[in-house]
Amino acid sequence: MNVYDEAHNLARAIKESGEFKEFDRMRKELEQDADASKMIGEMQQLQVQLQTAQMTGQEPDQDVMNRLQSLGTMIATKPVAARFMQAQGAFTIMMNDVFGIIGEAVGLQ
């Protein structure tokens, strides 16, 4: 068994999965809506800021928390943005599961 061949097989299986196809479709659809795309981009940047603060033991900035909440509300009213977030979430869960399976198999967990 060649590990690299199996990795390519896994990559193909991921690209053929319903989760990836829906995520990719919604990503392309999101790119067509500048306002929704901008909101998603800002939300992702703020989430990184929040995660960085949490990882370094800092208290979350209240302005960041308020803006995230506001963006979440606005995204919920934009169907393309909301569908993108759902598709991204489903794809992320699948990828986390795959990483977990691999990690468990090699004793990294």
Protein backbone atom coordinates (compact mmCIF):
# COMPACT_ATOMS: atom_id res chain seq x y z
CA MET A 1 0.00 0.00 0.00
CA ASN A 2 1.38 3.39 -1.02
CA VAL A 3 0.41 6.12 1.45
CA TYR A 4 0.60 8.81 -1.22
CA ASP A 5 -1.73 6.93 -3.53
CA GLU A 6 -4.18 6.49 -0.67
CA ALA A 7 -3.93 10.21 0.13
CA HIS A 8 -4.83 11.02 -3.48
CA ASN A 9 -7.76 8.58 -3.24
CA LEU A 10 -8.92 10.32 -0.07
CA ALA A 11 -8.62 13.72 -1.74
CA ARG A 12 -10.75 12.49 -4.65
CA ALA A 13 -13.34 11.06 -2.25
CA ILE A 14 -13.52 14.38 -0.41
CA LYS A 15 -13.94 16.32 -3.66
CA GLU A 16 -16.73 13.92 -4.70
CA SER A 17 -18.53 14.14 -1.35
CA GLY A 18 -21.88 15.89 -1.08
CA GLU A 19 -20.49 18.11 1.66
CA PHE A 20 -17.67 19.41 -0.52
CA LYS A 21 -19.82 19.80 -3.61
CA GLU A 22 -22.40 21.85 -1.70
CA PHE A 23 -19.68 23.93 -0.02
CA ASP A 24 -17.99 24.60 -3.37
CA ARG A 25 -21.31 25.46 -5.03
CA MET A 26 -22.23 27.86 -2.24
CA ARG A 27 -18.74 29.40 -2.24
CA LYS A 28 -19.15 30.21 -5.95
CA GLU A 29 -22.65 31.55 -5.37
CA LEU A 30 -21.41 33.69 -2.49
CA GLU A 31 -18.73 35.22 -4.73
CA GLN A 32 -21.56 36.62 -6.89
CA ASP A 33 -22.97 38.64 -3.97
CA ALA A 34 -20.42 41.29 -2.94
CA ASP A 35 -22.30 42.35 0.21
CA ALA A 36 -22.75 38.81 1.51
CA SER A 37 -19.16 37.93 0.64
CA LYS A 38 -17.89 40.97 2.52
CA MET A 39 -19.96 40.05 5.59
CA ILE A 40 -18.66 36.48 5.57
CA GLY A 41 -15.07 37.71 5.19
CA GLU A 42 -15.44 40.12 8.09
CA MET A 43 -17.03 37.43 10.24
CA GLN A 44 -14.18 35.02 9.51
CA GLN A 45 -11.57 37.67 10.41
CA LEU A 46 -13.33 38.44 13.68
CA GLN A 47 -13.59 34.73 14.51
CA VAL A 48 -9.82 34.40 14.02
CA GLN A 49 -9.27 37.37 16.35
CA LEU A 50 -11.55 35.78 18.94
CA GLN A 51 -9.84 32.38 18.68
CA THR A 52 -6.41 33.98 18.94
CA ALA A 53 -7.44 35.84 22.09
CA GLN A 54 -8.86 32.65 23.61
CA MET A 55 -5.72 30.65 22.79
CA THR A 56 -3.53 33.26 24.49
CA GLY A 57 -5.75 33.37 27.56
CA GLN A 58 -7.08 36.87 26.91
CA GLU A 59 -10.64 37.92 27.56
CA PRO A 60 -12.65 38.30 24.33
CA ASP A 61 -12.96 41.91 23.23
CA GLN A 62 -16.55 43.05 23.76
CA ASP A 63 -16.53 45.08 20.53
CA VAL A 64 -15.53 41.95 18.60
CA MET A 65 -18.25 39.94 20.33
CA ASN A 66 -20.87 42.61 19.56
CA ARG A 67 -19.81 42.84 15.91
CA LEU A 68 -19.89 39.05 15.54
CA GLN A 69 -23.40 38.97 16.95
CA SER A 70 -24.49 41.78 14.63
CA LEU A 71 -22.95 40.05 11.61
CA GLY A 72 -24.62 36.78 12.57
CA THR A 73 -27.98 38.51 12.55
CA MET A 74 -27.30 40.18 9.19
CA ILE A 75 -26.04 36.93 7.65
CA ALA A 76 -29.20 35.14 8.75
CA THR A 77 -31.22 37.61 6.65
CA LYS A 78 -29.10 37.01 3.53
CA PRO A 79 -30.08 33.58 2.15
CA VAL A 80 -26.89 33.06 0.15
CA ALA A 81 -24.72 33.88 3.17
CA ALA A 82 -26.76 31.68 5.48
CA ARG A 83 -26.63 28.74 3.06
CA PHE A 84 -22.88 29.24 2.64
CA MET A 85 -22.39 29.14 6.42
CA GLN A 86 -24.44 25.93 6.64
CA ALA A 87 -22.48 24.31 3.81
CA GLN A 88 -19.18 25.42 5.30
CA GLY A 89 -20.20 24.00 8.67
CA ALA A 90 -21.15 20.62 7.20
CA PHE A 91 -17.88 20.43 5.25
CA THR A 92 -15.86 21.42 8.32
CA ILE A 93 -17.54 18.71 10.40
CA MET A 94 -16.72 16.11 7.75
CA MET A 95 -13.09 17.22 7.55
CA ASN A 96 -12.75 17.22 11.35
CA ASP A 97 -14.14 13.68 11.40
CA VAL A 98 -11.60 12.59 8.75
CA PHE A 99 -8.72 14.19 10.69
CA GLY A 100 -10.01 12.53 13.86
CA ILE A 101 -10.12 9.12 12.22
CA ILE A 102 -6.56 9.51 10.92
CA GLY A 103 -5.32 10.85 14.25
CA GLU A 104 -6.92 8.00 16.15
CA ALA A 105 -5.49 5.43 13.75
CA VAL A 106 -1.94 6.63 14.38
CA GLY A 107 -2.40 7.30 18.08
CA LEU A 108 -2.34 11.09 18.04
CA GLN A 109 -5.45 11.53 20.11
